[in-house]
N, C-alpha and C. Protein backbone atom coordinates (compact mmCIF):
# COMPACT_ATOMS: atom_id res chain seq x y z
N VAL A 1 0.82 -1.25 0.21
CA VAL A 1 0.13 -0.04 -0.11
C VAL A 1 0.78 1.47 0.05
N SER A 2 0.49 2.51 -0.76
CA SER A 2 1.59 3.30 -0.86
C SER A 2 0.89 4.34 0.22
N GLN A 3 1.83 5.13 0.66
CA GLN A 3 1.48 6.18 1.16
C GLN A 3 1.12 7.77 0.77
N TYR A 4 1.22 7.50 -0.48
CA TYR A 4 0.64 8.85 -1.33
C TYR A 4 -0.86 8.20 -1.85
N PRO A 5 -1.34 9.39 -2.08
CA PRO A 5 -3.02 9.42 -2.70
C PRO A 5 -2.70 9.28 -3.93
N SER A 6 -3.91 8.36 -4.17
CA SER A 6 -4.08 7.81 -5.69
C SER A 6 -4.95 9.18 -6.27
N VAL A 7 -4.81 9.25 -7.34
CA VAL A 7 -5.60 10.18 -8.72
C VAL A 7 -6.66 9.30 -9.68
N ALA A 8 -7.52 9.98 -9.63
CA ALA A 8 -8.54 8.98 -10.28
C ALA A 8 -8.82 10.02 -11.70
N ARG A 9 -9.24 9.55 -12.86
CA ARG A 9 -9.67 10.11 -13.85
C ARG A 9 -10.58 8.87 -14.76
N ASP A 10 -11.48 9.39 -15.26
CA ASP A 10 -12.85 8.98 -16.11
C ASP A 10 -12.23 9.01 -17.53
N ILE A 11 -12.75 7.90 -18.23
CA ILE A 11 -12.74 7.95 -19.85
C ILE A 11 -14.13 7.31 -19.92
N ALA A 12 -14.98 7.80 -20.93
CA ALA A 12 -15.90 7.10 -21.84
C ALA A 12 -15.54 7.19 -23.16
N LEU A 13 -15.86 5.92 -23.96
CA LEU A 13 -15.89 5.53 -25.01
C LEU A 13 -16.89 5.15 -25.59
N TRP A 14 -17.18 5.47 -26.86
CA TRP A 14 -18.21 4.70 -28.33
C TRP A 14 -17.57 3.82 -28.56
N VAL A 15 -17.96 2.52 -28.81
CA VAL A 15 -16.75 1.56 -29.43
C VAL A 15 -18.04 1.06 -30.25
N SER A 16 -17.58 -0.09 -31.27
CA SER A 16 -18.49 -0.74 -32.23
C SER A 16 -19.12 -1.90 -31.04
N GLU A 17 -20.57 -2.08 -31.44
CA GLU A 17 -21.13 -3.19 -30.71
C GLU A 17 -20.40 -4.58 -30.74
N GLY A 18 -20.29 -4.94 -29.71
CA GLY A 18 -19.88 -6.40 -30.11
C GLY A 18 -17.92 -6.36 -29.29
N THR A 19 -17.85 -5.25 -29.19
CA THR A 19 -16.35 -5.09 -28.65
C THR A 19 -16.40 -4.64 -27.19
N THR A 20 -15.61 -6.06 -26.63
CA THR A 20 -16.19 -5.98 -24.93
C THR A 20 -15.16 -5.18 -23.99
N ALA A 21 -15.43 -4.92 -22.95
CA ALA A 21 -15.01 -3.91 -22.19
C ALA A 21 -13.38 -4.50 -21.98
N ASP A 22 -13.48 -5.64 -21.53
CA ASP A 22 -12.27 -6.22 -21.25
C ASP A 22 -11.25 -6.12 -22.44
N SER A 23 -11.47 -6.19 -23.78
CA SER A 23 -10.51 -5.80 -25.19
C SER A 23 -10.23 -4.41 -24.96
N VAL A 24 -11.45 -3.20 -24.78
CA VAL A 24 -10.59 -1.82 -24.64
C VAL A 24 -9.56 -1.88 -23.34
N ILE A 25 -9.78 -2.24 -21.98
CA ILE A 25 -8.81 -2.28 -21.01
C ILE A 25 -7.91 -2.69 -21.50
N GLU A 26 -7.57 -3.99 -21.98
CA GLU A 26 -6.31 -4.56 -22.68
C GLU A 26 -5.58 -3.35 -23.63
N VAL A 27 -6.09 -2.55 -24.27
CA VAL A 27 -5.79 -1.61 -25.26
C VAL A 27 -5.23 -0.43 -24.36
N LEU A 28 -6.00 -0.05 -23.37
CA LEU A 28 -5.59 1.24 -22.58
C LEU A 28 -4.60 1.14 -21.95
N ARG A 29 -4.11 -0.38 -21.14
CA ARG A 29 -3.61 -0.61 -20.01
C ARG A 29 -1.87 -0.10 -20.36
N GLU A 30 -1.69 -0.70 -21.31
CA GLU A 30 -0.09 -0.44 -21.99
C GLU A 30 0.54 1.44 -22.26
N PRO A 31 -0.70 2.20 -22.95
CA PRO A 31 -0.18 3.49 -22.95
C PRO A 31 -0.22 4.15 -21.32
N ALA A 32 -1.53 3.74 -20.63
CA ALA A 32 -1.51 4.35 -19.21
C ALA A 32 -0.25 4.50 -18.45
N GLY A 33 0.66 3.46 -18.76
CA GLY A 33 1.83 3.65 -17.62
C GLY A 33 1.78 2.69 -16.83
N GLU A 34 2.93 2.61 -16.30
CA GLU A 34 3.20 2.31 -15.01
C GLU A 34 2.50 2.64 -13.70
N LEU A 35 1.77 4.05 -13.66
CA LEU A 35 1.18 4.53 -12.87
C LEU A 35 -0.30 4.11 -12.38
N LEU A 36 -0.76 3.58 -13.76
CA LEU A 36 -1.84 3.07 -13.41
C LEU A 36 -1.93 1.78 -12.49
N TYR A 37 -3.00 2.06 -11.70
CA TYR A 37 -2.79 1.21 -10.45
C TYR A 37 -4.15 0.36 -10.71
N ARG A 38 -4.94 0.58 -11.15
CA ARG A 38 -6.16 -0.13 -11.65
C ARG A 38 -7.25 0.42 -12.48
N ILE A 39 -8.10 -0.55 -13.34
CA ILE A 39 -8.79 0.48 -14.58
C ILE A 39 -10.30 -0.24 -13.84
N ASP A 40 -11.29 0.44 -13.87
CA ASP A 40 -12.58 0.24 -13.23
C ASP A 40 -13.73 0.73 -14.11
N LEU A 41 -14.56 -0.48 -14.85
CA LEU A 41 -15.80 -0.47 -15.74
C LEU A 41 -17.35 0.17 -14.85
N PHE A 42 -17.45 1.78 -15.13
CA PHE A 42 -18.77 1.83 -13.87
C PHE A 42 -19.96 2.15 -14.77
N ASP A 43 -19.59 2.07 -16.16
CA ASP A 43 -21.15 2.32 -16.61
C ASP A 43 -20.96 1.82 -18.12
N GLU A 44 -22.23 0.79 -18.77
CA GLU A 44 -21.82 0.43 -20.23
C GLU A 44 -23.58 0.83 -20.60
N PHE A 45 -23.79 0.89 -21.80
CA PHE A 45 -25.14 1.11 -22.34
C PHE A 45 -24.85 0.85 -23.80
N THR A 46 -25.89 0.29 -24.68
CA THR A 46 -25.50 0.08 -26.09
C THR A 46 -26.86 0.85 -26.70
N LYS A 47 -26.42 1.49 -27.65
CA LYS A 47 -27.67 2.90 -28.51
C LYS A 47 -27.10 2.35 -29.89
N ASP A 48 -28.10 2.76 -30.59
CA ASP A 48 -27.80 2.67 -32.37
C ASP A 48 -26.56 1.86 -32.72
N GLY A 49 -26.37 1.04 -32.26
CA GLY A 49 -25.47 -0.20 -32.68
C GLY A 49 -23.78 0.08 -32.32
N ARG A 50 -23.85 0.93 -31.21
CA ARG A 50 -22.58 1.20 -30.68
C ARG A 50 -22.68 1.05 -29.20
N THR A 51 -21.50 0.91 -28.52
CA THR A 51 -21.59 0.34 -26.99
C THR A 51 -20.61 1.45 -26.48
N SER A 52 -21.44 2.17 -25.42
CA SER A 52 -20.61 3.11 -24.42
C SER A 52 -20.20 2.52 -23.31
N TYR A 53 -18.98 2.55 -22.92
CA TYR A 53 -18.15 2.12 -21.98
C TYR A 53 -17.59 3.48 -21.10
N ALA A 54 -17.81 3.65 -19.65
CA ALA A 54 -17.15 4.57 -18.90
C ALA A 54 -16.00 3.71 -17.90
N PHE A 55 -15.10 4.18 -17.97
CA PHE A 55 -14.04 3.64 -16.80
C PHE A 55 -13.36 4.65 -16.18
N ARG A 56 -12.83 4.25 -14.66
CA ARG A 56 -12.41 5.28 -13.80
C ARG A 56 -11.15 4.38 -13.85
N LEU A 57 -10.12 5.28 -14.28
CA LEU A 57 -8.52 4.92 -14.12
C LEU A 57 -7.78 5.53 -12.75
N VAL A 58 -7.19 4.35 -12.14
CA VAL A 58 -6.86 5.24 -10.80
C VAL A 58 -5.37 4.74 -11.07
N PHE A 59 -4.68 5.89 -10.59
CA PHE A 59 -2.84 6.34 -10.75
C PHE A 59 -2.64 6.35 -9.51
N GLN A 60 -1.68 5.72 -9.08
CA GLN A 60 -0.67 5.73 -8.08
C GLN A 60 0.90 5.79 -7.85
N SER A 61 1.38 6.51 -7.13
CA SER A 61 2.86 6.31 -7.19
C SER A 61 3.32 5.85 -5.78
N TYR A 62 4.60 5.49 -5.67
CA TYR A 62 4.98 4.26 -4.43
C TYR A 62 6.10 5.72 -3.75
N GLU A 63 6.23 6.37 -4.78
CA GLU A 63 7.52 7.60 -4.50
C GLU A 63 6.90 8.98 -4.08
N LYS A 64 5.86 9.56 -4.79
CA LYS A 64 5.16 10.51 -4.74
C LYS A 64 3.93 10.84 -5.18
N THR A 65 3.35 11.94 -4.23
CA THR A 65 2.05 12.45 -4.73
C THR A 65 2.10 12.94 -6.23
N LEU A 66 1.14 12.14 -7.14
CA LEU A 66 1.17 12.58 -8.35
C LEU A 66 0.51 13.82 -8.63
N THR A 67 0.69 14.65 -9.52
CA THR A 67 0.36 15.92 -10.12
C THR A 67 -0.61 15.77 -11.14
N ASP A 68 -1.62 17.17 -11.43
CA ASP A 68 -2.36 17.23 -12.80
C ASP A 68 -1.25 17.12 -13.62
N GLU A 69 -0.30 17.72 -13.75
CA GLU A 69 0.76 18.18 -14.82
C GLU A 69 1.45 16.37 -15.41
N GLU A 70 1.60 15.77 -14.42
CA GLU A 70 1.78 14.53 -14.59
C GLU A 70 0.39 13.32 -15.31
N ILE A 71 -0.48 13.41 -14.66
CA ILE A 71 -1.47 12.84 -15.35
C ILE A 71 -2.18 13.47 -16.74
N ALA A 72 -1.84 14.54 -16.81
CA ALA A 72 -2.60 15.03 -18.18
C ALA A 72 -1.87 14.61 -19.42
N PRO A 73 -0.80 14.35 -19.45
CA PRO A 73 -0.18 13.70 -20.74
C PRO A 73 -0.62 12.17 -20.62
N ILE A 74 -0.57 11.61 -19.70
CA ILE A 74 -1.03 10.12 -19.77
C ILE A 74 -2.58 10.04 -20.32
N MET A 75 -3.40 10.89 -19.99
CA MET A 75 -4.79 10.95 -20.20
C MET A 75 -5.18 11.38 -21.63
N GLU A 76 -4.05 12.19 -22.74
CA GLU A 76 -4.03 12.36 -23.61
C GLU A 76 -3.60 11.28 -24.80
N ARG A 77 -2.57 11.11 -24.42
CA ARG A 77 -2.44 9.50 -24.96
C ARG A 77 -3.26 8.61 -24.79
N LEU A 78 -4.10 8.23 -23.94
CA LEU A 78 -5.29 7.26 -24.04
C LEU A 78 -6.12 7.81 -25.02
N ASN A 79 -6.32 8.96 -25.05
CA ASN A 79 -7.43 10.23 -26.03
C ASN A 79 -7.11 9.60 -27.54
N GLU A 80 -5.61 9.64 -27.89
CA GLU A 80 -5.16 9.58 -28.92
C GLU A 80 -4.98 7.69 -29.43
N VAL A 81 -4.98 7.12 -28.44
CA VAL A 81 -4.93 5.62 -28.96
C VAL A 81 -6.32 5.02 -28.97
N SER A 82 -7.32 5.72 -28.11
CA SER A 82 -8.77 5.29 -28.56
C SER A 82 -9.01 5.73 -29.69
N GLN A 83 -8.67 6.84 -30.07
CA GLN A 83 -8.93 7.47 -31.44
C GLN A 83 -8.23 6.73 -32.63
N SER A 84 -7.38 5.84 -32.46
CA SER A 84 -6.75 5.61 -33.44
C SER A 84 -7.09 3.93 -33.76
N GLU A 85 -7.87 3.83 -32.35
CA GLU A 85 -8.87 2.38 -32.75
C GLU A 85 -10.27 2.67 -32.78
N GLY A 86 -10.40 3.93 -33.62
CA GLY A 86 -11.71 4.04 -34.03
C GLY A 86 -12.64 4.26 -32.88
N TRP A 87 -12.18 4.48 -31.92
CA TRP A 87 -13.76 4.66 -30.73
C TRP A 87 -13.53 5.86 -30.80
N GLU A 88 -14.57 6.59 -30.15
CA GLU A 88 -15.18 8.36 -29.80
C GLU A 88 -15.00 8.39 -28.77
N VAL A 89 -14.17 9.42 -28.16
CA VAL A 89 -14.26 9.95 -26.82
C VAL A 89 -15.00 10.56 -26.44
N ARG A 90 -16.33 10.08 -25.71
CA ARG A 90 -17.61 11.08 -25.58
C ARG A 90 -17.22 12.07 -24.31
């Protein structure tokens, strides 16, 4: 257990129907980097042939308190990866 607080960020994505939450998590895990502590799915619904997944990403360091300036580039990278997969960030 880290003595430093965690930082949570949410990302919601429209994906094609049939894409599983687990497959989205697999794609997001690597570019999220070593500071990613966990990813939790907290919302899911399907509409008009697409599925929306909302995830809470929890980041934590064992060495220091993380700042917004450290997390923002990670979230930007996740947005870019999502778009390259053809997913729409909502």
